[in-house]
Amino acid sequence: MKQNAEVQEARHDGFKWSVVVILLVLAVAGNAYFDDQALLYRVLGVVVLGVAAAALAITTNKGRDVVELASSARREIQRVVWPTRQETVQTTAIVLGAVLIVGLLLWLIDTTLGWLMSGIVS
């Protein structure tokens, strides 16, 4: 029975996404059409239509998947062990040092090859 209900909901998802697109188009077109109105009213209109479109999109299967993904990502970020300030400064110093050394080596190779080529050409 549950699978039948999911199929029924999935059937309406296309219609819901069409309404979401229409709401977003109305928000953009309304903002352009009412450009002579105060900015506050236009922003409120766009926000209201955007929230309505997002609320409708969340009721679809894909919308629920996105909400679940965001929730999982938030839980995962909370489990990350972030480096301390000292570790960050040390790592940054090592990277900058390595970039400086590689840059100097490339400059030295370029200068040497340029000197050799100018000796060959002239």
PDB file of N, CA and C in Angstrom:
ATOM      1  N   MET A   1       0.816  -1.191   0.000  1.00  0.00           N
ATOM      2  CA  MET A   1       0.000   0.000   0.000  1.00  0.00           C
ATOM      3  C   MET A   1       0.864   1.261   0.000  1.00  0.00           C
ATOM      4  N   LYS A   2       1.966   1.199   0.788  1.00  0.00           N
ATOM      5  CA  LYS A   2       2.855   2.358   0.865  1.00  0.00           C
ATOM      6  C   LYS A   2       3.491   2.640  -0.497  1.00  0.00           C
ATOM      7  N   GLN A   3       3.869   1.588  -1.200  1.00  0.00           N
ATOM      8  CA  GLN A   3       4.482   1.760  -2.516  1.00  0.00           C
ATOM      9  C   GLN A   3       3.489   2.402  -3.488  1.00  0.00           C
ATOM     10  N   ASN A   4       2.234   2.041  -3.384  1.00  0.00           N
ATOM     11  CA  ASN A   4       1.197   2.630  -4.227  1.00  0.00           C
ATOM     12  C   ASN A   4       1.060   4.131  -3.941  1.00  0.00           C
ATOM     13  N   ALA A   5       1.145   4.502  -2.672  1.00  0.00           N
ATOM     14  CA  ALA A   5       1.065   5.918  -2.300  1.00  0.00           C
ATOM     15  C   ALA A   5       2.260   6.681  -2.843  1.00  0.00           C
ATOM     16  N   GLU A   6       3.460   6.060  -2.812  1.00  0.00           N
ATOM     17  CA  GLU A   6       4.652   6.718  -3.343  1.00  0.00           C
ATOM     18  C   GLU A   6       4.539   6.915  -4.852  1.00  0.00           C
ATOM     19  N   VAL A   7       3.988   5.921  -5.548  1.00  0.00           N
ATOM     20  CA  VAL A   7       3.789   6.043  -6.992  1.00  0.00           C
ATOM     21  C   VAL A   7       2.799   7.166  -7.276  1.00  0.00           C
ATOM     22  N   GLN A   8       1.738   7.260  -6.472  1.00  0.00           N
ATOM     23  CA  GLN A   8       0.734   8.315  -6.640  1.00  0.00           C
ATOM     24  C   GLN A   8       1.378   9.687  -6.430  1.00  0.00           C
ATOM     25  N   GLU A   9       2.236   9.816  -5.383  1.00  0.00           N
ATOM     26  CA  GLU A   9       2.915  11.089  -5.135  1.00  0.00           C
ATOM     27  C   GLU A   9       3.868  11.414  -6.272  1.00  0.00           C
ATOM     28  N   ALA A  10       4.587  10.418  -6.766  1.00  0.00           N
ATOM     29  CA  ALA A  10       5.542  10.638  -7.848  1.00  0.00           C
ATOM     30  C   ALA A  10       4.823  11.094  -9.111  1.00  0.00           C
ATOM     31  N   ARG A  11       3.585  10.670  -9.290  1.00  0.00           N
ATOM     32  CA  ARG A  11       2.814  11.081 -10.447  1.00  0.00           C
ATOM     33  C   ARG A  11       2.541  12.583 -10.421  1.00  0.00           C
ATOM     34  N   HIS A  12       2.381  13.124  -9.227  1.00  0.00           N
ATOM     35  CA  HIS A  12       2.081  14.551  -9.086  1.00  0.00           C
ATOM     36  C   HIS A  12       3.332  15.424  -9.036  1.00  0.00           C
ATOM     37  N   ASP A  13       4.493  14.816  -8.976  1.00  0.00           N
ATOM     38  CA  ASP A  13       5.728  15.602  -8.874  1.00  0.00           C
ATOM     39  C   ASP A  13       5.946  16.487 -10.098  1.00  0.00           C
ATOM     40  N   GLY A  14       5.646  15.981 -11.272  1.00  0.00           N
ATOM     41  CA  GLY A  14       5.803  16.785 -12.489  1.00  0.00           C
ATOM     42  C   GLY A  14       4.943  18.032 -12.448  1.00  0.00           C
ATOM     43  N   PHE A  15       3.711  17.880 -11.992  1.00  0.00           N
ATOM     44  CA  PHE A  15       2.813  19.033 -11.867  1.00  0.00           C
ATOM     45  C   PHE A  15       3.349  20.017 -10.835  1.00  0.00           C
ATOM     46  N   LYS A  16       3.835  19.495  -9.706  1.00  0.00           N
ATOM     47  CA  LYS A  16       4.378  20.366  -8.666  1.00  0.00           C
ATOM     48  C   LYS A  16       5.586  21.153  -9.172  1.00  0.00           C
ATOM     49  N   TRP A  17       6.473  20.495  -9.914  1.00  0.00           N
ATOM     50  CA  TRP A  17       7.650  21.193 -10.449  1.00  0.00           C
ATOM     51  C   TRP A  17       7.228  22.244 -11.470  1.00  0.00           C
ATOM     52  N   SER A  18       6.181  21.967 -12.218  1.00  0.00           N
ATOM     53  CA  SER A  18       5.670  22.973 -13.159  1.00  0.00           C
ATOM     54  C   SER A  18       5.180  24.208 -12.409  1.00  0.00           C
ATOM     55  N   VAL A  19       4.475  23.991 -11.296  1.00  0.00           N
ATOM     56  CA  VAL A  19       3.996  25.116 -10.491  1.00  0.00           C
ATOM     57  C   VAL A  19       5.177  25.869  -9.885  1.00  0.00           C
ATOM     58  N   VAL A  20       6.213  25.157  -9.463  1.00  0.00           N
ATOM     59  CA  VAL A  20       7.414  25.812  -8.917  1.00  0.00           C
ATOM     60  C   VAL A  20       8.041  26.717  -9.973  1.00  0.00           C
ATOM     61  N   VAL A  21       8.174  26.209 -11.182  1.00  0.00           N
ATOM     62  CA  VAL A  21       8.756  27.014 -12.265  1.00  0.00           C
ATOM     63  C   VAL A  21       7.881  28.227 -12.555  1.00  0.00           C
ATOM     64  N   ILE A  22       6.586  28.034 -12.578  1.00  0.00           N
ATOM     65  CA  ILE A  22       5.669  29.156 -12.834  1.00  0.00           C
ATOM     66  C   ILE A  22       5.801  30.212 -11.745  1.00  0.00           C
ATOM     67  N   LEU A  23       5.888  29.791 -10.491  1.00  0.00           N
ATOM     68  CA  LEU A  23       6.046  30.750  -9.394  1.00  0.00           C
ATOM     69  C   LEU A  23       7.351  31.538  -9.534  1.00  0.00           C
ATOM     70  N   LEU A  24       8.425  30.860  -9.898  1.00  0.00           N
ATOM     71  CA  LEU A  24       9.706  31.556 -10.061  1.00  0.00           C
ATOM     72  C   LEU A  24       9.674  32.511 -11.248  1.00  0.00           C
ATOM     73  N   VAL A  25       9.033  32.100 -12.333  1.00  0.00           N
ATOM     74  CA  VAL A  25       8.898  32.983 -13.488  1.00  0.00           C
ATOM     75  C   VAL A  25       8.055  34.198 -13.121  1.00  0.00           C
ATOM     76  N   LEU A  26       6.991  33.980 -12.357  1.00  0.00           N
ATOM     77  CA  LEU A  26       6.164  35.102 -11.895  1.00  0.00           C
ATOM     78  C   LEU A  26       6.972  36.060 -11.026  1.00  0.00           C
ATOM     79  N   ALA A  27       7.841  35.524 -10.179  1.00  0.00           N
ATOM     80  CA  ALA A  27       8.667  36.378  -9.323  1.00  0.00           C
ATOM     81  C   ALA A  27       9.589  37.254 -10.166  1.00  0.00           C
ATOM     82  N   VAL A  28      10.239  36.663 -11.143  1.00  0.00           N
ATOM     83  CA  VAL A  28      11.171  37.426 -11.989  1.00  0.00           C
ATOM     84  C   VAL A  28      10.411  38.420 -12.865  1.00  0.00           C
ATOM     85  N   ALA A  29       9.343  37.953 -13.507  1.00  0.00           N
ATOM     86  CA  ALA A  29       8.571  38.835 -14.387  1.00  0.00           C
ATOM     87  C   ALA A  29       7.884  39.939 -13.589  1.00  0.00           C
ATOM     88  N   GLY A  30       7.361  39.598 -12.421  1.00  0.00           N
ATOM     89  CA  GLY A  30       6.724  40.617 -11.586  1.00  0.00           C
ATOM     90  C   GLY A  30       7.711  41.665 -11.115  1.00  0.00           C
ATOM     91  N   ASN A  31       8.909  41.249 -10.783  1.00  0.00           N
ATOM     92  CA  ASN A  31       9.939  42.199 -10.376  1.00  0.00           C
ATOM     93  C   ASN A  31      10.278  43.148 -11.515  1.00  0.00           C
ATOM     94  N   ALA A  32      10.341  42.635 -12.720  1.00  0.00           N
ATOM     95  CA  ALA A  32      10.635  43.488 -13.878  1.00  0.00           C
ATOM     96  C   ALA A  32       9.435  44.378 -14.226  1.00  0.00           C
ATOM     97  N   TYR A  33       8.230  43.818 -14.141  1.00  0.00           N
ATOM     98  CA  TYR A  33       7.031  44.569 -14.520  1.00  0.00           C
ATOM     99  C   TYR A  33       6.755  45.714 -13.554  1.00  0.00           C
ATOM    100  N   PHE A  34       6.969  45.481 -12.272  1.00  0.00           N
ATOM    101  CA  PHE A  34       6.689  46.499 -11.265  1.00  0.00           C
ATOM    102  C   PHE A  34       7.952  47.265 -10.878  1.00  0.00           C
ATOM    103  N   ASP A  35       8.814  47.539 -11.841  1.00  0.00           N
ATOM    104  CA  ASP A  35      10.065  48.229 -11.532  1.00  0.00           C
ATOM    105  C   ASP A  35       9.856  49.668 -11.078  1.00  0.00           C
ATOM    106  N   ASP A  36       8.672  50.232 -11.289  1.00  0.00           N
ATOM    107  CA  ASP A  36       8.409  51.587 -10.826  1.00  0.00           C
ATOM    108  C   ASP A  36       7.958  51.620  -9.365  1.00  0.00           C
ATOM    109  N   GLN A  37       7.686  50.453  -8.776  1.00  0.00           N
ATOM    110  CA  GLN A  37       7.271  50.369  -7.372  1.00  0.00           C
ATOM    111  C   GLN A  37       8.500  50.417  -6.463  1.00  0.00           C
ATOM    112  N   ALA A  38       8.264  50.623  -5.183  1.00  0.00           N
ATOM    113  CA  ALA A  38       9.358  50.667  -4.217  1.00  0.00           C
ATOM    114  C   ALA A  38      10.082  49.323  -4.175  1.00  0.00           C
ATOM    115  N   LEU A  39      11.379  49.396  -3.959  1.00  0.00           N
ATOM    116  CA  LEU A  39      12.209  48.190  -3.937  1.00  0.00           C
ATOM    117  C   LEU A  39      11.754  47.223  -2.844  1.00  0.00           C
ATOM    118  N   LEU A  40      11.340  47.760  -1.711  1.00  0.00           N
ATOM    119  CA  LEU A  40      10.897  46.908  -0.603  1.00  0.00           C
ATOM    120  C   LEU A  40       9.744  46.005  -1.023  1.00  0.00           C
ATOM    121  N   TYR A  41       8.760  46.552  -1.719  1.00  0.00           N
ATOM    122  CA  TYR A  41       7.600  45.758  -2.140  1.00  0.00           C
ATOM    123  C   TYR A  41       7.994  44.699  -3.165  1.00  0.00           C
ATOM    124  N   ARG A  42       8.885  45.055  -4.063  1.00  0.00           N
ATOM    125  CA  ARG A  42       9.336  44.078  -5.071  1.00  0.00           C
ATOM    126  C   ARG A  42      10.106  42.950  -4.403  1.00  0.00           C
ATOM    127  N   VAL A  43      10.980  43.295  -3.459  1.00  0.00           N
ATOM    128  CA  VAL A  43      11.756  42.261  -2.764  1.00  0.00           C
ATOM    129  C   VAL A  43      10.823  41.354  -1.965  1.00  0.00           C
ATOM    130  N   LEU A  44       9.856  41.944  -1.281  1.00  0.00           N
ATOM    131  CA  LEU A  44       8.901  41.130  -0.521  1.00  0.00           C
ATOM    132  C   LEU A  44       8.129  40.187  -1.444  1.00  0.00           C
ATOM    133  N   GLY A  45       7.713  40.679  -2.600  1.00  0.00           N
ATOM    134  CA  GLY A  45       7.006  39.828  -3.559  1.00  0.00           C
ATOM    135  C   GLY A  45       7.863  38.668  -4.035  1.00  0.00           C
ATOM    136  N   VAL A  46       9.130  38.954  -4.352  1.00  0.00           N
ATOM    137  CA  VAL A  46      10.034  37.898  -4.812  1.00  0.00           C
ATOM    138  C   VAL A  46      10.289  36.897  -3.688  1.00  0.00           C
ATOM    139  N   VAL A  47      10.475  37.396  -2.464  1.00  0.00           N
ATOM    140  CA  VAL A  47      10.721  36.487  -1.338  1.00  0.00           C
ATOM    141  C   VAL A  47       9.511  35.605  -1.075  1.00  0.00           C
ATOM    142  N   VAL A  48       8.317  36.194  -1.087  1.00  0.00           N
ATOM    143  CA  VAL A  48       7.104  35.402  -0.831  1.00  0.00           C
ATOM    144  C   VAL A  48       6.937  34.326  -1.904  1.00  0.00           C
ATOM    145  N   LEU A  49       7.096  34.696  -3.160  1.00  0.00           N
ATOM    146  CA  LEU A  49       6.948  33.697  -4.228  1.00  0.00           C
ATOM    147  C   LEU A  49       8.069  32.663  -4.173  1.00  0.00           C
ATOM    148  N   GLY A  50       9.285  33.090  -3.818  1.00  0.00           N
ATOM    149  CA  GLY A  50      10.398  32.147  -3.690  1.00  0.00           C
ATOM    150  C   GLY A  50      10.183  31.152  -2.562  1.00  0.00           C
ATOM    151  N   VAL A  51       9.683  31.642  -1.425  1.00  0.00           N
ATOM    152  CA  VAL A  51       9.401  30.741  -0.299  1.00  0.00           C
ATOM    153  C   VAL A  51       8.278  29.775  -0.661  1.00  0.00           C
ATOM    154  N   ALA A  52       7.259  30.271  -1.349  1.00  0.00           N
ATOM    155  CA  ALA A  52       6.164  29.393  -1.770  1.00  0.00           C
ATOM    156  C   ALA A  52       6.681  28.319  -2.729  1.00  0.00           C
ATOM    157  N   ALA A  53       7.544  28.712  -3.662  1.00  0.00           N
ATOM    158  CA  ALA A  53       8.109  27.746  -4.609  1.00  0.00           C
ATOM    159  C   ALA A  53       8.978  26.727  -3.875  1.00  0.00           C
ATOM    160  N   ALA A  54       9.791  27.185  -2.914  1.00  0.00           N
ATOM    161  CA  ALA A  54      10.642  26.254  -2.163  1.00  0.00           C
ATOM    162  C   ALA A  54       9.796  25.304  -1.322  1.00  0.00           C
ATOM    163  N   ALA A  55       8.737  25.827  -0.693  1.00  0.00           N
ATOM    164  CA  ALA A  55       7.870  24.972   0.117  1.00  0.00           C
ATOM    165  C   ALA A  55       7.202  23.905  -0.737  1.00  0.00           C
ATOM    166  N   LEU A  56       6.783  24.268  -1.926  1.00  0.00           N
ATOM    167  CA  LEU A  56       6.163  23.294  -2.816  1.00  0.00           C
ATOM    168  C   LEU A  56       7.201  22.296  -3.330  1.00  0.00           C
ATOM    169  N   ALA A  57       8.399  22.774  -3.624  1.00  0.00           N
ATOM    170  CA  ALA A  57       9.448  21.879  -4.126  1.00  0.00           C
ATOM    171  C   ALA A  57       9.844  20.846  -3.081  1.00  0.00           C
ATOM    172  N   ILE A  58       9.811  21.225  -1.812  1.00  0.00           N
ATOM    173  CA  ILE A  58      10.185  20.292  -0.740  1.00  0.00           C
ATOM    174  C   ILE A  58       9.192  19.143  -0.630  1.00  0.00           C
ATOM    175  N   THR A  59       7.968  19.346  -1.080  1.00  0.00           N
ATOM    176  CA  THR A  59       6.967  18.274  -0.981  1.00  0.00           C
ATOM    177  C   THR A  59       7.145  17.203  -2.047  1.00  0.00           C
ATOM    178  N   THR A  60       8.051  17.398  -2.998  1.00  0.00           N
ATOM    179  CA  THR A  60       8.288  16.385  -4.030  1.00  0.00           C
ATOM    180  C   THR A  60       9.324  15.379  -3.531  1.00  0.00           C
ATOM    181  N   ASN A  61       9.453  14.284  -4.235  1.00  0.00           N
ATOM    182  CA  ASN A  61      10.447  13.272  -3.854  1.00  0.00           C
ATOM    183  C   ASN A  61      11.863  13.824  -3.936  1.00  0.00           C
ATOM    184  N   LYS A  62      12.177  14.531  -5.012  1.00  0.00           N
ATOM    185  CA  LYS A  62      13.513  15.128  -5.161  1.00  0.00           C
ATOM    186  C   LYS A  62      13.754  16.174  -4.075  1.00  0.00           C
ATOM    187  N   GLY A  63      12.727  16.942  -3.744  1.00  0.00           N
ATOM    188  CA  GLY A  63      12.854  17.948  -2.695  1.00  0.00           C
ATOM    189  C   GLY A  63      13.166  17.319  -1.353  1.00  0.00           C
ATOM    190  N   ARG A  64      12.504  16.219  -1.033  1.00  0.00           N
ATOM    191  CA  ARG A  64      12.791  15.521   0.223  1.00  0.00           C
ATOM    192  C   ARG A  64      14.210  14.964   0.216  1.00  0.00           C
ATOM    193  N   ASP A  65      14.656  14.495  -0.956  1.00  0.00           N
ATOM    194  CA  ASP A  65      16.034  14.003  -1.064  1.00  0.00           C
ATOM    195  C   ASP A  65      17.039  15.120  -0.809  1.00  0.00           C
ATOM    196  N   VAL A  66      16.766  16.313  -1.332  1.00  0.00           N
ATOM    197  CA  VAL A  66      17.666  17.454  -1.120  1.00  0.00           C
ATOM    198  C   VAL A  66      17.705  17.840   0.351  1.00  0.00           C
ATOM    199  N   VAL A  67      16.548  17.843   1.002  1.00  0.00           N
ATOM    200  CA  VAL A  67      16.500  18.166   2.431  1.00  0.00           C
ATOM    201  C   VAL A  67      17.284  17.130   3.234  1.00  0.00           C
ATOM    202  N   GLU A  68      17.129  15.870   2.887  1.00  0.00           N
ATOM    203  CA  GLU A  68      17.873  14.811   3.580  1.00  0.00           C
ATOM    204  C   GLU A  68      19.373  14.949   3.341  1.00  0.00           C
ATOM    205  N   LEU A  69      19.775  15.294   2.123  1.00  0.00           N
ATOM    206  CA  LEU A  69      21.183  15.503   1.814  1.00  0.00           C
ATOM    207  C   LEU A  69      21.750  16.664   2.627  1.00  0.00           C
ATOM    208  N   ALA A  70      21.010  17.758   2.713  1.00  0.00           N
ATOM    209  CA  ALA A  70      21.468  18.907   3.489  1.00  0.00           C
ATOM    210  C   ALA A  70      21.588  18.556   4.963  1.00  0.00           C
ATOM    211  N   SER A  71      20.638  17.793   5.463  1.00  0.00           N
ATOM    212  CA  SER A  71      20.680  17.375   6.862  1.00  0.00           C
ATOM    213  C   SER A  71      21.888  16.472   7.121  1.00  0.00           C
ATOM    214  N   SER A  72      22.134  15.545   6.223  1.00  0.00           N
ATOM    215  CA  SER A  72      23.293  14.656   6.365  1.00  0.00           C
ATOM    216  C   SER A  72      24.601  15.438   6.282  1.00  0.00           C
ATOM    217  N   ALA A  73      24.664  16.396   5.381  1.00  0.00           N
ATOM    218  CA  ALA A  73      25.874  17.206   5.245  1.00  0.00           C
ATOM    219  C   ALA A  73      26.125  18.012   6.513  1.00  0.00           C
ATOM    220  N   ARG A  74      25.070  18.530   7.113  1.00  0.00           N
ATOM    221  CA  ARG A  74      25.226  19.301   8.353  1.00  0.00           C
ATOM    222  C   ARG A  74      25.742  18.406   9.481  1.00  0.00           C
ATOM    223  N   ARG A  75      25.190  17.207   9.593  1.00  0.00           N
ATOM    224  CA  ARG A  75      25.674  16.270  10.623  1.00  0.00           C
ATOM    225  C   ARG A  75      27.130  15.899  10.379  1.00  0.00           C
ATOM    226  N   GLU A  76      27.496  15.722   9.114  1.00  0.00           N
ATOM    227  CA  GLU A  76      28.878  15.359   8.783  1.00  0.00           C
ATOM    228  C   GLU A  76      29.843  16.494   9.110  1.00  0.00           C
ATOM    229  N   ILE A  77      29.451  17.722   8.842  1.00  0.00           N
ATOM    230  CA  ILE A  77      30.302  18.874   9.146  1.00  0.00           C
ATOM    231  C   ILE A  77      30.524  18.983  10.646  1.00  0.00           C
ATOM    232  N   GLN A  78      29.519  18.650  11.439  1.00  0.00           N
ATOM    233  CA  GLN A  78      29.668  18.711  12.890  1.00  0.00           C
ATOM    234  C   GLN A  78      30.640  17.658  13.407  1.00  0.00           C
ATOM    235  N   ARG A  79      30.826  16.581  12.650  1.00  0.00           N
ATOM    236  CA  ARG A  79      31.753  15.525  13.075  1.00  0.00           C
ATOM    237  C   ARG A  79      33.181  15.770  12.630  1.00  0.00           C
ATOM    238  N   VAL A  80      33.417  16.748  11.774  1.00  0.00           N
ATOM    239  CA  VAL A  80      34.760  17.019  11.272  1.00  0.00           C
ATOM    240  C   VAL A  80      35.620  17.582  12.394  1.00  0.00           C
ATOM    241  N   VAL A  81      36.866  17.117  12.461  1.00  0.00           N
ATOM    242  CA  VAL A  81      37.817  17.660  13.424  1.00  0.00           C
ATOM    243  C   VAL A  81      38.601  18.755  12.706  1.00  0.00           C
ATOM    244  N   TRP A  82      38.338  20.001  13.073  1.00  0.00           N
ATOM    245  CA  TRP A  82      38.968  21.127  12.409  1.00  0.00           C
ATOM    246  C   TRP A  82      40.350  21.369  12.993  1.00  0.00           C
ATOM    247  N   PRO A  83      41.312  21.807  12.169  1.00  0.00           N
ATOM    248  CA  PRO A  83      42.666  22.051  12.690  1.00  0.00           C
ATOM    249  C   PRO A  83      42.693  23.258  13.624  1.00  0.00           C
ATOM    250  N   THR A  84      43.678  23.221  14.527  1.00  0.00           N
ATOM    251  CA  THR A  84      43.844  24.358  15.428  1.00  0.00           C
ATOM    252  C   THR A  84      44.486  25.510  14.660  1.00  0.00           C
ATOM    253  N   ARG A  85      44.524  26.670  15.295  1.00  0.00           N
ATOM    254  CA  ARG A  85      45.136  27.844  14.660  1.00  0.00           C
ATOM    255  C   ARG A  85      46.619  27.590  14.386  1.00  0.00           C
ATOM    256  N   GLN A  86      47.300  26.958  15.337  1.00  0.00           N
ATOM    257  CA  GLN A  86      48.729  26.692  15.164  1.00  0.00           C
ATOM    258  C   GLN A  86      48.962  25.747  13.983  1.00  0.00           C
ATOM    259  N   GLU A  87      48.155  24.696  13.870  1.00  0.00           N
ATOM    260  CA  GLU A  87      48.297  23.765  12.746  1.00  0.00           C
ATOM    261  C   GLU A  87      48.034  24.466  11.410  1.00  0.00           C
ATOM    262  N   THR A  88      47.066  25.341  11.385  1.00  0.00           N
ATOM    263  CA  THR A  88      46.750  26.074  10.154  1.00  0.00           C
ATOM    264  C   THR A  88      47.900  26.989   9.758  1.00  0.00           C
ATOM    265  N   VAL A  89      48.469  27.701  10.727  1.00  0.00           N
ATOM    266  CA  VAL A  89      49.581  28.606  10.430  1.00  0.00           C
ATOM    267  C   VAL A  89      50.788  27.818   9.960  1.00  0.00           C
ATOM    268  N   GLN A  90      51.081  26.703  10.614  1.00  0.00           N
ATOM    269  CA  GLN A  90      52.235  25.894  10.210  1.00  0.00           C
ATOM    270  C   GLN A  90      52.055  25.325   8.806  1.00  0.00           C
ATOM    271  N   THR A  91      50.885  24.808   8.515  1.00  0.00           N
ATOM    272  CA  THR A  91      50.625  24.253   7.186  1.00  0.00           C
ATOM    273  C   THR A  91      50.720  25.333   6.114  1.00  0.00           C
ATOM    274  N   THR A  92      50.183  26.516   6.405  1.00  0.00           N
ATOM    275  CA  THR A  92      50.259  27.622   5.453  1.00  0.00           C
ATOM    276  C   THR A  92      51.707  28.025   5.215  1.00  0.00           C
ATOM    277  N   ALA A  93      52.511  28.073   6.271  1.00  0.00           N
ATOM    278  CA  ALA A  93      53.926  28.431   6.121  1.00  0.00           C
ATOM    279  C   ALA A  93      54.661  27.396   5.274  1.00  0.00           C
ATOM    280  N   ILE A  94      54.349  26.121   5.476  1.00  0.00           N
ATOM    281  CA  ILE A  94      55.000  25.069   4.685  1.00  0.00           C
ATOM    282  C   ILE A  94      54.624  25.211   3.215  1.00  0.00           C
ATOM    283  N   VAL A  95      53.345  25.458   2.927  1.00  0.00           N
ATOM    284  CA  VAL A  95      52.896  25.611   1.541  1.00  0.00           C
ATOM    285  C   VAL A  95      53.556  26.828   0.899  1.00  0.00           C
ATOM    286  N   LEU A  96      53.590  27.948   1.606  1.00  0.00           N
ATOM    287  CA  LEU A  96      54.229  29.146   1.055  1.00  0.00           C
ATOM    288  C   LEU A  96      55.718  28.926   0.808  1.00  0.00           C
ATOM    289  N   GLY A  97      56.380  28.234   1.717  1.00  0.00           N
ATOM    290  CA  GLY A  97      57.799  27.916   1.522  1.00  0.00           C
ATOM    291  C   GLY A  97      58.012  27.032   0.299  1.00  0.00           C
ATOM    292  N   ALA A  98      57.189  26.016   0.152  1.00  0.00           N
ATOM    293  CA  ALA A  98      57.317  25.118  -0.997  1.00  0.00           C
ATOM    294  C   ALA A  98      57.064  25.867  -2.302  1.00  0.00           C
ATOM    295  N   VAL A  99      56.072  26.754  -2.316  1.00  0.00           N
ATOM    296  CA  VAL A  99      55.781  27.539  -3.520  1.00  0.00           C
ATOM    297  C   VAL A  99      56.964  28.455  -3.850  1.00  0.00           C
ATOM    298  N   LEU A 100      57.552  29.067  -2.836  1.00  0.00           N
ATOM    299  CA  LEU A 100      58.698  29.943  -3.048  1.00  0.00           C
ATOM    300  C   LEU A 100      59.884  29.169  -3.623  1.00  0.00           C
ATOM    301  N   ILE A 101      60.173  27.990  -3.067  1.00  0.00           N
ATOM    302  CA  ILE A 101      61.298  27.186  -3.555  1.00  0.00           C
ATOM    303  C   ILE A 101      61.057  26.730  -4.993  1.00  0.00           C
ATOM    304  N   VAL A 102      59.871  26.240  -5.287  1.00  0.00           N
ATOM    305  CA  VAL A 102      59.569  25.792  -6.651  1.00  0.00           C
ATOM    306  C   VAL A 102      59.615  26.968  -7.619  1.00  0.00           C
ATOM    307  N   GLY A 103      59.113  28.125  -7.191  1.00  0.00           N
ATOM    308  CA  GLY A 103      59.164  29.315  -8.043  1.00  0.00           C
ATOM    309  C   GLY A 103      60.596  29.731  -8.348  1.00  0.00           C
ATOM    310  N   LEU A 104      61.461  29.700  -7.343  1.00  0.00           N
ATOM    311  CA  LEU A 104      62.861  30.049  -7.569  1.00  0.00           C
ATOM    312  C   LEU A 104      63.547  29.039  -8.487  1.00  0.00           C
ATOM    313  N   LEU A 105      63.244  27.762  -8.309  1.00  0.00           N
ATOM    314  CA  LEU A 105      63.829  26.746  -9.190  1.00  0.00           C
ATOM    315  C   LEU A 105      63.364  26.931 -10.637  1.00  0.00           C
ATOM    316  N   LEU A 106      62.091  27.199 -10.824  1.00  0.00           N
ATOM    317  CA  LEU A 106      61.594  27.419 -12.188  1.00  0.00           C
ATOM    318  C   LEU A 106      62.212  28.677 -12.795  1.00  0.00           C
ATOM    319  N   TRP A 107      62.369  29.720 -11.996  1.00  0.00           N
ATOM    320  CA  TRP A 107      63.014  30.944 -12.494  1.00  0.00           C
ATOM    321  C   TRP A 107      64.459  30.654 -12.896  1.00  0.00           C
ATOM    322  N   LEU A 108      65.174  29.878 -12.075  1.00  0.00           N
ATOM    323  CA  LEU A 108      66.558  29.535 -12.376  1.00  0.00           C
ATOM    324  C   LEU A 108      66.649  28.706 -13.656  1.00  0.00           C
ATOM    325  N   ILE A 109      65.765  27.717 -13.814  1.00  0.00           N
ATOM    326  CA  ILE A 109      65.767  26.902 -15.034  1.00  0.00           C
ATOM    327  C   ILE A 109      65.429  27.757 -16.243  1.00  0.00           C
ATOM    328  N   ASP A 110      64.444  28.636 -16.134  1.00  0.00           N
ATOM    329  CA  ASP A 110      64.061  29.505 -17.239  1.00  0.00           C
ATOM    330  C   ASP A 110      65.198  30.440 -17.621  1.00  0.00           C
ATOM    331  N   THR A 111      65.846  31.021 -16.642  1.00  0.00           N
ATOM    332  CA  THR A 111      66.957  31.939 -16.919  1.00  0.00           C
ATOM    333  C   THR A 111      68.113  31.197 -17.580  1.00  0.00           C
ATOM    334  N   THR A 112      68.427  30.003 -17.101  1.00  0.00           N
ATOM    335  CA  THR A 112      69.521  29.216 -17.677  1.00  0.00           C
ATOM    336  C   THR A 112      69.201  28.821 -19.117  1.00  0.00           C
ATOM    337  N   LEU A 113      67.986  28.326 -19.340  1.00  0.00           N
ATOM    338  CA  LEU A 113      67.611  27.947 -20.710  1.00  0.00           C
ATOM    339  C   LEU A 113      67.588  29.168 -21.630  1.00  0.00           C
ATOM    340  N   GLY A 114      67.123  30.293 -21.137  1.00  0.00           N
ATOM    341  CA  GLY A 114      67.130  31.527 -21.948  1.00  0.00           C
ATOM    342  C   GLY A 114      68.553  31.955 -22.281  1.00  0.00           C
ATOM    343  N   TRP A 115      69.444  31.853 -21.324  1.00  0.00           N
ATOM    344  CA  TRP A 115      70.848  32.218 -21.557  1.00  0.00           C
ATOM    345  C   TRP A 115      71.469  31.270 -22.584  1.00  0.00           C
ATOM    346  N   LEU A 116      71.179  29.952 -22.460  1.00  0.00           N
ATOM    347  CA  LEU A 116      71.715  28.975 -23.421  1.00  0.00           C
ATOM    348  C   LEU A 116      71.147  29.208 -24.827  1.00  0.00           C
ATOM    349  N   MET A 117      69.857  29.480 -24.928  1.00  0.00           N
ATOM    350  CA  MET A 117      69.238  29.697 -26.246  1.00  0.00           C
ATOM    351  C   MET A 117      69.780  30.978 -26.891  1.00  0.00           C
ATOM    352  N   SER A 118      69.948  32.013 -26.104  1.00  0.00           N
ATOM    353  CA  SER A 118      70.503  33.237 -26.676  1.00  0.00           C
ATOM    354  C   SER A 118      71.942  33.031 -27.132  1.00  0.00           C
ATOM    355  N   GLY A 119      72.684  32.172 -26.446  1.00  0.00           N
ATOM    356  CA  GLY A 119      74.066  31.841 -26.876  1.00  0.00           C
ATOM    357  C   GLY A 119      74.069  31.036 -28.157  1.00  0.00           C
ATOM    358  N   ILE A 120      73.087  30.148 -28.324  1.00  0.00           N
ATOM    359  CA  ILE A 120      72.996  29.328 -29.539  1.00  0.00           C
ATOM    360  C   ILE A 120      72.540  30.165 -30.721  1.00  0.00           C
ATOM    361  N   VAL A 121      71.549  31.030 -30.509  1.00  0.00           N
ATOM    362  CA  VAL A 121      70.954  31.820 -31.602  1.00  0.00           C
ATOM    363  C   VAL A 121      71.932  32.885 -32.081  1.00  0.00           C
ATOM    364  N   SER A 122      72.634  33.518 -31.156  1.00  0.00           N
ATOM    365  CA  SER A 122      73.512  34.613 -31.607  1.00  0.00           C
ATOM    366  C   SER A 122      74.891  34.147 -31.877  1.00  0.00           C
TER     367      SER A 122
END
